[in-house]
Amino acid sequence: MNVGVERVTAAFRDAAIGYLALGFGAYAVFFVLRGLRWKLLLRNAAPSATVRTAASLSAFGWLVSTFVPMKAGDVTRATLLARRERASFATVAGTVPLERALDVLGLAATASLGLLAAAVYAHPHLPASVQEAVAVAWALPILGLLLLFGLASLVRRYRDRNRLTRFVARFLDAADELRRSPRRLPALLLTTLLVSAAQVAVFLFLFLAFEPGAPPSVVLAGVPIFLLSFAISIVPGNVGTYEAAFILVFGALGFDEQRLSAVGIALHILTTSMVVVLGAAGLVVDRLTRTAPAPQPVGAGASP
């Protein structure tokens, strides 16, 4: 579907500034909450890591993943944190797929709640099939997690064979370590729901910035499902796949597809710009807060 530059420019020109500011603020809160949750997962892998460090590197890793496919930002942030904290990269990296699994569970929960809210407070133009989508929103993520656990149990003995099996085995190790520390589960589940709520709030506010007359309950039904499409990143910058998923999800909820095409491109440009700002700020904060090595006493290492 071809969209002229004029239509995208018009979408930006007519955007509500207040909603744009709320969206940016929600994005910043999203990274802080991700840092808090990652800190909980890093308790044994890198106990000295602070929430500030985890949040800063999460934001920078998100920036890298925005432009480099296959979640390269996750490897980047794990590497940087392991080096900074002088921790084992394999142990730190094991927390990353577990965190991603929590992301999927959180979005699955918010997707079901959003679809339920849309069904209860149905907009007159909301398709009747939205009630049936509640089951789909839960089934697909959970099946994916079951597949990951099953694959991990099969390949654990072959963890040194290739990168995929090592990655899956690290996920299972991190999940097993968490199982042995059940007292962290309530905090992790709570922060996961807060992370998902903040991410949904970002796109809710930005959608309303471009479409202020849209019913929030219907937008809430679509945002988590749209965000689930980010789980597969195979195109640099998600160019094309982002807009296609946006049109598919919100078109199914009754929004005009012609209008969605312009809004989707504008939203992609805007969210990418926000990630660039917040990710760059995260890298700057990480560099400025690095602790210098303790100075050696005068004469240390000198020959007697």
C-alpha atoms as a PDB file:
ATOM      1  CA  MET A   1       0.000   0.000   0.000  1.00  0.00           C
ATOM      2  CA  ASN A   2       1.632   3.251  -1.147  1.00  0.00           C
ATOM      3  CA  VAL A   3       1.520   6.181   1.245  1.00  0.00           C
ATOM      4  CA  GLY A   4       2.560   9.647   0.177  1.00  0.00           C
ATOM      5  CA  VAL A   5       4.959  11.759   2.199  1.00  0.00           C
ATOM      6  CA  GLU A   6       2.231  14.386   2.474  1.00  0.00           C
ATOM      7  CA  ARG A   7      -0.056  12.044   4.414  1.00  0.00           C
ATOM      8  CA  VAL A   8       2.686  11.066   6.864  1.00  0.00           C
ATOM      9  CA  THR A   9       3.662  14.719   7.290  1.00  0.00           C
ATOM     10  CA  ALA A  10       0.030  15.605   7.917  1.00  0.00           C
ATOM     11  CA  ALA A  11      -0.186  12.915  10.585  1.00  0.00           C
ATOM     12  CA  PHE A  12       2.774  14.481  12.395  1.00  0.00           C
ATOM     13  CA  ARG A  13       1.410  17.987  11.982  1.00  0.00           C
ATOM     14  CA  ASP A  14      -1.956  17.079  13.480  1.00  0.00           C
ATOM     15  CA  ALA A  15      -0.559  14.960  16.344  1.00  0.00           C
ATOM     16  CA  ALA A  16      -1.596  15.916  19.883  1.00  0.00           C
ATOM     17  CA  ILE A  17       1.496  17.196  21.727  1.00  0.00           C
ATOM     18  CA  GLY A  18       0.183  16.154  25.144  1.00  0.00           C
ATOM     19  CA  TYR A  19      -0.173  12.508  24.143  1.00  0.00           C
ATOM     20  CA  LEU A  20       3.267  12.583  22.515  1.00  0.00           C
ATOM     21  CA  ALA A  21       4.797  13.792  25.800  1.00  0.00           C
ATOM     22  CA  LEU A  22       2.958  11.089  27.735  1.00  0.00           C
ATOM     23  CA  GLY A  23       4.219   8.472  25.291  1.00  0.00           C
ATOM     24  CA  PHE A  24       7.828   9.591  25.701  1.00  0.00           C
ATOM     25  CA  GLY A  25       7.489   9.610  29.487  1.00  0.00           C
ATOM     26  CA  ALA A  26       5.998   6.113  29.449  1.00  0.00           C
ATOM     27  CA  TYR A  27       8.928   4.909  27.321  1.00  0.00           C
ATOM     28  CA  ALA A  28      11.414   6.222  29.904  1.00  0.00           C
ATOM     29  CA  VAL A  29       9.472   4.520  32.718  1.00  0.00           C
ATOM     30  CA  PHE A  30       9.427   1.322  30.646  1.00  0.00           C
ATOM     31  CA  PHE A  31      13.233   1.155  30.604  1.00  0.00           C
ATOM     32  CA  VAL A  32      13.497   1.931  34.322  1.00  0.00           C
ATOM     33  CA  LEU A  33      11.096  -0.937  35.076  1.00  0.00           C
ATOM     34  CA  ARG A  34      13.044  -3.261  32.777  1.00  0.00           C
ATOM     35  CA  GLY A  35      16.192  -2.337  34.684  1.00  0.00           C
ATOM     36  CA  LEU A  36      14.501  -3.123  37.983  1.00  0.00           C
ATOM     37  CA  ARG A  37      13.356  -6.526  36.741  1.00  0.00           C
ATOM     38  CA  TRP A  38      16.735  -7.363  35.188  1.00  0.00           C
ATOM     39  CA  LYS A  39      18.382  -6.470  38.493  1.00  0.00           C
ATOM     40  CA  LEU A  40      16.175  -9.092  40.184  1.00  0.00           C
ATOM     41  CA  LEU A  41      17.222 -11.706  37.622  1.00  0.00           C
ATOM     42  CA  LEU A  42      20.902 -10.748  38.007  1.00  0.00           C
ATOM     43  CA  ARG A  43      20.975 -11.308  41.754  1.00  0.00           C
ATOM     44  CA  ASN A  44      23.259 -14.329  41.461  1.00  0.00           C
ATOM     45  CA  ALA A  45      24.805 -13.639  38.041  1.00  0.00           C
ATOM     46  CA  ALA A  46      25.984 -10.086  38.825  1.00  0.00           C
ATOM     47  CA  PRO A  47      24.982  -9.157  42.394  1.00  0.00           C
ATOM     48  CA  SER A  48      26.821  -5.815  42.331  1.00  0.00           C
ATOM     49  CA  ALA A  49      24.868  -4.508  39.309  1.00  0.00           C
ATOM     50  CA  THR A  50      22.622  -1.560  40.120  1.00  0.00           C
ATOM     51  CA  VAL A  51      19.164  -0.782  38.778  1.00  0.00           C
ATOM     52  CA  ARG A  52      20.650   2.274  37.065  1.00  0.00           C
ATOM     53  CA  THR A  53      23.204   0.149  35.229  1.00  0.00           C
ATOM     54  CA  ALA A  54      20.621  -2.467  34.247  1.00  0.00           C
ATOM     55  CA  ALA A  55      18.172   0.195  33.042  1.00  0.00           C
ATOM     56  CA  SER A  56      20.825   2.138  31.099  1.00  0.00           C
ATOM     57  CA  LEU A  57      22.133  -0.945  29.319  1.00  0.00           C
ATOM     58  CA  SER A  58      18.588  -2.186  28.666  1.00  0.00           C
ATOM     59  CA  ALA A  59      17.825   1.075  26.880  1.00  0.00           C
ATOM     60  CA  PHE A  60      21.045   0.902  24.865  1.00  0.00           C
ATOM     61  CA  GLY A  61      20.453  -2.751  23.987  1.00  0.00           C
ATOM     62  CA  TRP A  62      16.958  -1.834  22.798  1.00  0.00           C
ATOM     63  CA  LEU A  63      18.513   0.792  20.560  1.00  0.00           C
ATOM     64  CA  VAL A  64      20.882  -1.765  19.026  1.00  0.00           C
ATOM     65  CA  SER A  65      18.034  -4.245  18.453  1.00  0.00           C
ATOM     66  CA  THR A  66      16.011  -1.500  16.769  1.00  0.00           C
ATOM     67  CA  PHE A  67      18.506  -1.379  13.903  1.00  0.00           C
ATOM     68  CA  VAL A  68      20.191  -4.798  14.002  1.00  0.00           C
ATOM     69  CA  PRO A  69      17.908  -7.844  13.618  1.00  0.00           C
ATOM     70  CA  MET A  70      17.842 -11.099  15.595  1.00  0.00           C
ATOM     71  CA  LYS A  71      17.931  -9.308  18.977  1.00  0.00           C
ATOM     72  CA  ALA A  72      21.580  -8.276  18.683  1.00  0.00           C
ATOM     73  CA  GLY A  73      20.952  -5.728  21.426  1.00  0.00           C
ATOM     74  CA  ASP A  74      20.441  -8.527  23.957  1.00  0.00           C
ATOM     75  CA  VAL A  75      23.931  -9.857  23.277  1.00  0.00           C
ATOM     76  CA  THR A  76      25.320  -6.325  23.430  1.00  0.00           C
ATOM     77  CA  ARG A  77      23.806  -5.442  26.798  1.00  0.00           C
ATOM     78  CA  ALA A  78      24.748  -8.799  28.323  1.00  0.00           C
ATOM     79  CA  THR A  79      28.338  -8.359  27.127  1.00  0.00           C
ATOM     80  CA  LEU A  80      28.601  -4.804  28.439  1.00  0.00           C
ATOM     81  CA  LEU A  81      27.117  -5.677  31.809  1.00  0.00           C
ATOM     82  CA  ALA A  82      29.289  -8.775  32.234  1.00  0.00           C
ATOM     83  CA  ARG A  83      32.419  -6.742  31.472  1.00  0.00           C
ATOM     84  CA  ARG A  84      31.430  -3.896  33.758  1.00  0.00           C
ATOM     85  CA  GLU A  85      30.572  -6.157  36.679  1.00  0.00           C
ATOM     86  CA  ARG A  86      33.391  -8.630  35.956  1.00  0.00           C
ATOM     87  CA  ALA A  87      30.802 -11.396  35.845  1.00  0.00           C
ATOM     88  CA  SER A  88      30.499 -14.536  33.740  1.00  0.00           C
ATOM     89  CA  PHE A  89      29.058 -13.692  30.338  1.00  0.00           C
ATOM     90  CA  ALA A  90      27.362 -17.094  30.090  1.00  0.00           C
ATOM     91  CA  THR A  91      25.600 -16.581  33.432  1.00  0.00           C
ATOM     92  CA  VAL A  92      24.537 -13.018  32.615  1.00  0.00           C
ATOM     93  CA  ALA A  93      23.416 -14.044  29.117  1.00  0.00           C
ATOM     94  CA  GLY A  94      21.247 -16.772  30.645  1.00  0.00           C
ATOM     95  CA  THR A  95      19.026 -14.116  32.225  1.00  0.00           C
ATOM     96  CA  VAL A  96      18.249 -12.537  28.853  1.00  0.00           C
ATOM     97  CA  PRO A  97      16.098 -15.302  27.295  1.00  0.00           C
ATOM     98  CA  LEU A  98      14.321 -15.685  30.641  1.00  0.00           C
ATOM     99  CA  GLU A  99      13.553 -11.976  30.599  1.00  0.00           C
ATOM    100  CA  ARG A 100      12.231 -12.291  27.049  1.00  0.00           C
ATOM    101  CA  ALA A 101      10.011 -15.175  28.137  1.00  0.00           C
ATOM    102  CA  LEU A 102       8.605 -12.965  30.891  1.00  0.00           C
ATOM    103  CA  ASP A 103       7.968 -10.274  28.269  1.00  0.00           C
ATOM    104  CA  VAL A 104       5.864 -12.697  26.238  1.00  0.00           C
ATOM    105  CA  LEU A 105       3.903 -13.791  29.304  1.00  0.00           C
ATOM    106  CA  GLY A 106       3.287 -10.185  30.312  1.00  0.00           C
ATOM    107  CA  LEU A 107       2.079  -9.215  26.858  1.00  0.00           C
ATOM    108  CA  ALA A 108      -0.087 -12.337  26.694  1.00  0.00           C
ATOM    109  CA  ALA A 109      -1.744 -11.305  29.950  1.00  0.00           C
ATOM    110  CA  THR A 110      -2.276  -7.702  28.863  1.00  0.00           C
ATOM    111  CA  ALA A 111      -3.532  -8.865  25.455  1.00  0.00           C
ATOM    112  CA  SER A 112      -6.192 -11.020  27.059  1.00  0.00           C
ATOM    113  CA  LEU A 113      -7.178  -8.286  29.511  1.00  0.00           C
ATOM    114  CA  GLY A 114      -7.297  -5.729  26.719  1.00  0.00           C
ATOM    115  CA  LEU A 115      -9.435  -7.937  24.517  1.00  0.00           C
ATOM    116  CA  LEU A 116     -11.720  -8.690  27.442  1.00  0.00           C
ATOM    117  CA  ALA A 117     -12.102  -4.972  28.184  1.00  0.00           C
ATOM    118  CA  ALA A 118     -12.857  -4.299  24.524  1.00  0.00           C
ATOM    119  CA  ALA A 119     -15.481  -7.035  24.525  1.00  0.00           C
ATOM    120  CA  VAL A 120     -17.132  -5.723  27.708  1.00  0.00           C
ATOM    121  CA  TYR A 121     -16.998  -2.070  26.687  1.00  0.00           C
ATOM    122  CA  ALA A 122     -17.492  -2.817  23.018  1.00  0.00           C
ATOM    123  CA  HIS A 123     -17.351   0.040  20.579  1.00  0.00           C
ATOM    124  CA  PRO A 124     -20.248  -0.067  18.090  1.00  0.00           C
ATOM    125  CA  HIS A 125     -17.850  -0.715  15.204  1.00  0.00           C
ATOM    126  CA  LEU A 126     -15.796  -3.381  16.973  1.00  0.00           C
ATOM    127  CA  PRO A 127     -15.969  -6.710  15.085  1.00  0.00           C
ATOM    128  CA  ALA A 128     -17.784  -9.469  16.973  1.00  0.00           C
ATOM    129  CA  SER A 129     -14.831 -11.824  16.440  1.00  0.00           C
ATOM    130  CA  VAL A 130     -12.768  -9.928  19.022  1.00  0.00           C
ATOM    131  CA  GLN A 131     -14.099 -12.139  21.842  1.00  0.00           C
ATOM    132  CA  GLU A 132     -12.657 -15.206  20.132  1.00  0.00           C
ATOM    133  CA  ALA A 133      -9.233 -13.584  19.933  1.00  0.00           C
ATOM    134  CA  VAL A 134      -8.818 -13.860  23.725  1.00  0.00           C
ATOM    135  CA  ALA A 135      -8.009 -17.557  23.359  1.00  0.00           C
ATOM    136  CA  VAL A 136      -5.568 -16.885  20.524  1.00  0.00           C
ATOM    137  CA  ALA A 137      -3.770 -14.202  22.519  1.00  0.00           C
ATOM    138  CA  TRP A 138      -3.046 -16.725  25.251  1.00  0.00           C
ATOM    139  CA  ALA A 139      -2.520 -19.863  23.186  1.00  0.00           C
ATOM    140  CA  LEU A 140       0.254 -18.741  20.853  1.00  0.00           C
ATOM    141  CA  PRO A 141       2.660 -17.280  23.455  1.00  0.00           C
ATOM    142  CA  ILE A 142       2.147 -20.182  25.854  1.00  0.00           C
ATOM    143  CA  LEU A 143       2.697 -22.746  23.114  1.00  0.00           C
ATOM    144  CA  GLY A 144       5.898 -20.936  22.201  1.00  0.00           C
ATOM    145  CA  LEU A 145       7.141 -21.070  25.800  1.00  0.00           C
ATOM    146  CA  LEU A 146       6.267 -24.773  26.103  1.00  0.00           C
ATOM    147  CA  LEU A 147       8.188 -25.406  22.895  1.00  0.00           C
ATOM    148  CA  LEU A 148      11.200 -23.541  24.291  1.00  0.00           C
ATOM    149  CA  PHE A 149      11.165 -25.536  27.543  1.00  0.00           C
ATOM    150  CA  GLY A 150      10.762 -28.773  25.608  1.00  0.00           C
ATOM    151  CA  LEU A 151      13.604 -27.908  23.276  1.00  0.00           C
ATOM    152  CA  ALA A 152      15.795 -26.955  26.208  1.00  0.00           C
ATOM    153  CA  SER A 153      15.244 -30.289  27.930  1.00  0.00           C
ATOM    154  CA  LEU A 154      16.187 -32.127  24.724  1.00  0.00           C
ATOM    155  CA  VAL A 155      19.368 -30.237  23.901  1.00  0.00           C
ATOM    156  CA  ARG A 156      20.758 -29.546  27.362  1.00  0.00           C
ATOM    157  CA  ARG A 157      23.329 -32.343  27.046  1.00  0.00           C
ATOM    158  CA  TYR A 158      24.554 -30.816  23.756  1.00  0.00           C
ATOM    159  CA  ARG A 159      25.035 -27.268  25.008  1.00  0.00           C
ATOM    160  CA  ASP A 160      28.586 -27.016  23.603  1.00  0.00           C
ATOM    161  CA  ARG A 161      27.659 -28.132  20.105  1.00  0.00           C
ATOM    162  CA  ASN A 162      26.400 -24.866  18.618  1.00  0.00           C
ATOM    163  CA  ARG A 163      25.139 -21.403  19.455  1.00  0.00           C
ATOM    164  CA  LEU A 164      21.433 -22.302  19.447  1.00  0.00           C
ATOM    165  CA  THR A 165      21.745 -25.181  21.896  1.00  0.00           C
ATOM    166  CA  ARG A 166      23.967 -23.120  24.189  1.00  0.00           C
ATOM    167  CA  PHE A 167      21.390 -20.314  24.156  1.00  0.00           C
ATOM    168  CA  VAL A 168      18.504 -22.648  24.984  1.00  0.00           C
ATOM    169  CA  ALA A 169      20.516 -24.393  27.704  1.00  0.00           C
ATOM    170  CA  ARG A 170      21.340 -21.032  29.317  1.00  0.00           C
ATOM    171  CA  PHE A 171      17.635 -20.227  29.354  1.00  0.00           C
ATOM    172  CA  LEU A 172      16.905 -23.498  31.143  1.00  0.00           C
ATOM    173  CA  ASP A 173      19.730 -22.898  33.628  1.00  0.00           C
ATOM    174  CA  ALA A 174      18.375 -19.438  34.473  1.00  0.00           C
ATOM    175  CA  ALA A 175      14.830 -20.782  34.826  1.00  0.00           C
ATOM    176  CA  ASP A 176      16.082 -23.576  37.077  1.00  0.00           C
ATOM    177  CA  GLU A 177      18.010 -21.092  39.217  1.00  0.00           C
ATOM    178  CA  LEU A 178      14.848 -19.043  39.569  1.00  0.00           C
ATOM    179  CA  ARG A 179      12.921 -22.165  40.558  1.00  0.00           C
ATOM    180  CA  ARG A 180      15.340 -22.662  43.421  1.00  0.00           C
ATOM    181  CA  SER A 181      14.651 -19.087  44.611  1.00  0.00           C
ATOM    182  CA  PRO A 182      10.830 -18.920  44.603  1.00  0.00           C
ATOM    183  CA  ARG A 183      10.737 -15.875  46.867  1.00  0.00           C
ATOM    184  CA  ARG A 184      11.702 -13.713  43.893  1.00  0.00           C
ATOM    185  CA  LEU A 185       8.743 -14.871  41.804  1.00  0.00           C
ATOM    186  CA  PRO A 186       6.122 -12.427  43.183  1.00  0.00           C
ATOM    187  CA  ALA A 187       8.421  -9.442  42.586  1.00  0.00           C
ATOM    188  CA  LEU A 188       9.305 -10.696  39.097  1.00  0.00           C
ATOM    189  CA  LEU A 189       5.675 -11.239  38.157  1.00  0.00           C
ATOM    190  CA  LEU A 190       4.703  -7.815  39.481  1.00  0.00           C
ATOM    191  CA  THR A 191       7.516  -6.036  37.628  1.00  0.00           C
ATOM    192  CA  THR A 192       6.686  -8.011  34.477  1.00  0.00           C
ATOM    193  CA  LEU A 193       3.097  -6.785  34.582  1.00  0.00           C
ATOM    194  CA  LEU A 194       4.343  -3.224  35.181  1.00  0.00           C
ATOM    195  CA  VAL A 195       6.810  -3.508  32.288  1.00  0.00           C
ATOM    196  CA  SER A 196       4.043  -4.713  29.981  1.00  0.00           C
ATOM    197  CA  ALA A 197       1.666  -2.000  31.204  1.00  0.00           C
ATOM    198  CA  ALA A 198       4.289   0.702  30.551  1.00  0.00           C
ATOM    199  CA  GLN A 199       5.009  -0.620  27.057  1.00  0.00           C
ATOM    200  CA  VAL A 200       1.302  -0.787  26.247  1.00  0.00           C
ATOM    201  CA  ALA A 201       0.876   2.755  27.615  1.00  0.00           C
ATOM    202  CA  VAL A 202       3.573   4.014  25.220  1.00  0.00           C
ATOM    203  CA  PHE A 203       1.700   2.830  22.146  1.00  0.00           C
ATOM    204  CA  LEU A 204      -1.720   3.710  23.557  1.00  0.00           C
ATOM    205  CA  PHE A 205      -0.667   7.333  24.085  1.00  0.00           C
ATOM    206  CA  LEU A 206       1.073   7.565  20.717  1.00  0.00           C
ATOM    207  CA  PHE A 207      -1.866   6.002  18.880  1.00  0.00           C
ATOM    208  CA  LEU A 208      -4.201   8.505  20.549  1.00  0.00           C
ATOM    209  CA  ALA A 209      -1.792  11.307  19.595  1.00  0.00           C
ATOM    210  CA  PHE A 210      -2.471  10.532  15.932  1.00  0.00           C
ATOM    211  CA  GLU A 211      -6.072   9.374  16.412  1.00  0.00           C
ATOM    212  CA  PRO A 212      -7.424  11.314  19.424  1.00  0.00           C
ATOM    213  CA  GLY A 213     -10.984  10.217  18.677  1.00  0.00           C
ATOM    214  CA  ALA A 214     -10.190   6.490  18.832  1.00  0.00           C
ATOM    215  CA  PRO A 215     -11.895   4.555  21.660  1.00  0.00           C
ATOM    216  CA  PRO A 216      -9.143   3.710  24.196  1.00  0.00           C
ATOM    217  CA  SER A 217     -10.686   0.313  25.030  1.00  0.00           C
ATOM    218  CA  VAL A 218     -10.368  -0.804  21.404  1.00  0.00           C
ATOM    219  CA  VAL A 219      -6.822   0.536  21.103  1.00  0.00           C
ATOM    220  CA  LEU A 220      -5.910  -1.330  24.307  1.00  0.00           C
ATOM    221  CA  ALA A 221      -7.212  -4.520  22.718  1.00  0.00           C
ATOM    222  CA  GLY A 222      -4.850  -4.188  19.771  1.00  0.00           C
ATOM    223  CA  VAL A 223      -1.633  -2.806  21.253  1.00  0.00           C
ATOM    224  CA  PRO A 224      -0.450  -5.941  23.140  1.00  0.00           C
ATOM    225  CA  ILE A 225      -1.129  -8.154  20.114  1.00  0.00           C
ATOM    226  CA  PHE A 226       0.773  -5.719  17.907  1.00  0.00           C
ATOM    227  CA  LEU A 227       3.673  -5.737  20.390  1.00  0.00           C
ATOM    228  CA  LEU A 228       3.824  -9.535  20.287  1.00  0.00           C
ATOM    229  CA  SER A 229       4.887  -9.209  16.639  1.00  0.00           C
ATOM    230  CA  PHE A 230       8.174  -7.691  17.868  1.00  0.00           C
ATOM    231  CA  ALA A 231       9.195 -11.116  19.198  1.00  0.00           C
ATOM    232  CA  ILE A 232      10.396 -12.012  15.703  1.00  0.00           C
ATOM    233  CA  SER A 233      12.910  -9.498  14.376  1.00  0.00           C
ATOM    234  CA  ILE A 234      14.436 -10.523  11.063  1.00  0.00           C
ATOM    235  CA  VAL A 235      14.469  -7.219   9.156  1.00  0.00           C
ATOM    236  CA  PRO A 236      16.790  -4.308  10.078  1.00  0.00           C
ATOM    237  CA  GLY A 237      14.735  -1.688  11.855  1.00  0.00           C
ATOM    238  CA  ASN A 238      11.601  -3.850  11.415  1.00  0.00           C
ATOM    239  CA  VAL A 239      11.013  -1.845   8.249  1.00  0.00           C
ATOM    240  CA  GLY A 240       7.846  -3.068   6.576  1.00  0.00           C
ATOM    241  CA  THR A 241       7.046  -5.747   9.160  1.00  0.00           C
ATOM    242  CA  TYR A 242       6.212  -3.074  11.754  1.00  0.00           C
ATOM    243  CA  GLU A 243       3.740  -1.331   9.459  1.00  0.00           C
ATOM    244  CA  ALA A 244       2.263  -4.600   8.169  1.00  0.00           C
ATOM    245  CA  ALA A 245       1.580  -5.874  11.691  1.00  0.00           C
ATOM    246  CA  PHE A 246       0.128  -2.489  12.675  1.00  0.00           C
ATOM    247  CA  ILE A 247      -2.308  -2.457   9.763  1.00  0.00           C
ATOM    248  CA  LEU A 248      -3.217  -6.126  10.216  1.00  0.00           C
ATOM    249  CA  VAL A 249      -3.987  -5.862  13.927  1.00  0.00           C
ATOM    250  CA  PHE A 250      -5.797  -2.539  14.022  1.00  0.00           C
ATOM    251  CA  GLY A 251      -7.507  -3.111  10.684  1.00  0.00           C
ATOM    252  CA  ALA A 252      -9.007  -6.286  12.188  1.00  0.00           C
ATOM    253  CA  LEU A 253     -10.314  -4.150  15.055  1.00  0.00           C
ATOM    254  CA  GLY A 254     -12.263  -1.958  12.673  1.00  0.00           C
ATOM    255  CA  PHE A 255      -9.940   1.004  12.010  1.00  0.00           C
ATOM    256  CA  ASP A 256      -9.650   2.401   8.488  1.00  0.00           C
ATOM    257  CA  GLU A 257      -6.690   0.760   6.733  1.00  0.00           C
ATOM    258  CA  GLN A 258      -5.977   3.784   4.520  1.00  0.00           C
ATOM    259  CA  ARG A 259      -5.555   5.955   7.582  1.00  0.00           C
ATOM    260  CA  LEU A 260      -3.622   3.215   9.417  1.00  0.00           C
ATOM    261  CA  SER A 261      -0.952   3.087   6.715  1.00  0.00           C
ATOM    262  CA  ALA A 262       0.049   6.717   7.307  1.00  0.00           C
ATOM    263  CA  VAL A 263      -0.260   6.453  11.083  1.00  0.00           C
ATOM    264  CA  GLY A 264       1.799   3.250  11.130  1.00  0.00           C
ATOM    265  CA  ILE A 265       4.713   4.882   9.293  1.00  0.00           C
ATOM    266  CA  ALA A 266       4.527   7.989  11.476  1.00  0.00           C
ATOM    267  CA  LEU A 267       4.398   5.852  14.616  1.00  0.00           C
ATOM    268  CA  HIS A 268       7.407   3.815  13.475  1.00  0.00           C
ATOM    269  CA  ILE A 269       9.453   6.954  12.844  1.00  0.00           C
ATOM    270  CA  LEU A 270       8.414   8.412  16.192  1.00  0.00           C
ATOM    271  CA  THR A 271       9.100   5.324  18.320  1.00  0.00           C
ATOM    272  CA  THR A 272      12.459   4.789  16.612  1.00  0.00           C
ATOM    273  CA  SER A 273      13.400   8.406  17.360  1.00  0.00           C
ATOM    274  CA  MET A 274      12.418   7.977  21.002  1.00  0.00           C
ATOM    275  CA  VAL A 275      14.472   4.803  21.302  1.00  0.00           C
ATOM    276  CA  VAL A 276      17.481   6.571  19.757  1.00  0.00           C
ATOM    277  CA  VAL A 277      17.229   9.368  22.340  1.00  0.00           C
ATOM    278  CA  LEU A 278      16.654   7.081  25.327  1.00  0.00           C
ATOM    279  CA  GLY A 279      19.174   4.464  24.186  1.00  0.00           C
ATOM    280  CA  ALA A 280      21.883   7.059  23.611  1.00  0.00           C
ATOM    281  CA  ALA A 281      21.084   8.591  26.996  1.00  0.00           C
ATOM    282  CA  GLY A 282      21.406   5.142  28.560  1.00  0.00           C
ATOM    283  CA  LEU A 283      24.870   4.668  27.065  1.00  0.00           C
ATOM    284  CA  VAL A 284      25.954   8.114  28.261  1.00  0.00           C
ATOM    285  CA  VAL A 285      24.684   7.419  31.784  1.00  0.00           C
ATOM    286  CA  ASP A 286      26.482   4.074  31.817  1.00  0.00           C
ATOM    287  CA  ARG A 287      29.758   5.665  30.732  1.00  0.00           C
ATOM    288  CA  LEU A 288      29.497   8.577  33.181  1.00  0.00           C
ATOM    289  CA  THR A 289      28.713   6.338  36.141  1.00  0.00           C
ATOM    290  CA  ARG A 290      31.489   3.829  35.591  1.00  0.00           C
ATOM    291  CA  THR A 291      33.662   3.537  38.675  1.00  0.00           C
ATOM    292  CA  ALA A 292      37.348   4.003  38.045  1.00  0.00           C
ATOM    293  CA  PRO A 293      39.715   1.235  39.175  1.00  0.00           C
ATOM    294  CA  ALA A 294      41.043   1.746  42.690  1.00  0.00           C
ATOM    295  CA  PRO A 295      44.456   3.456  42.535  1.00  0.00           C
ATOM    296  CA  GLN A 296      47.400   1.337  43.581  1.00  0.00           C
ATOM    297  CA  PRO A 297      49.498   2.491  46.522  1.00  0.00           C
ATOM    298  CA  VAL A 298      52.591   4.475  45.643  1.00  0.00           C
ATOM    299  CA  GLY A 299      55.442   2.171  44.891  1.00  0.00           C
ATOM    300  CA  ALA A 300      53.227  -0.862  44.462  1.00  0.00           C
ATOM    301  CA  GLY A 301      54.814  -3.388  42.150  1.00  0.00           C
ATOM    302  CA  ALA A 302      58.246  -1.825  42.448  1.00  0.00           C
ATOM    303  CA  SER A 303      61.247  -4.042  42.992  1.00  0.00           C
ATOM    304  CA  PRO A 304      62.455  -4.182  46.585  1.00  0.00           C
END
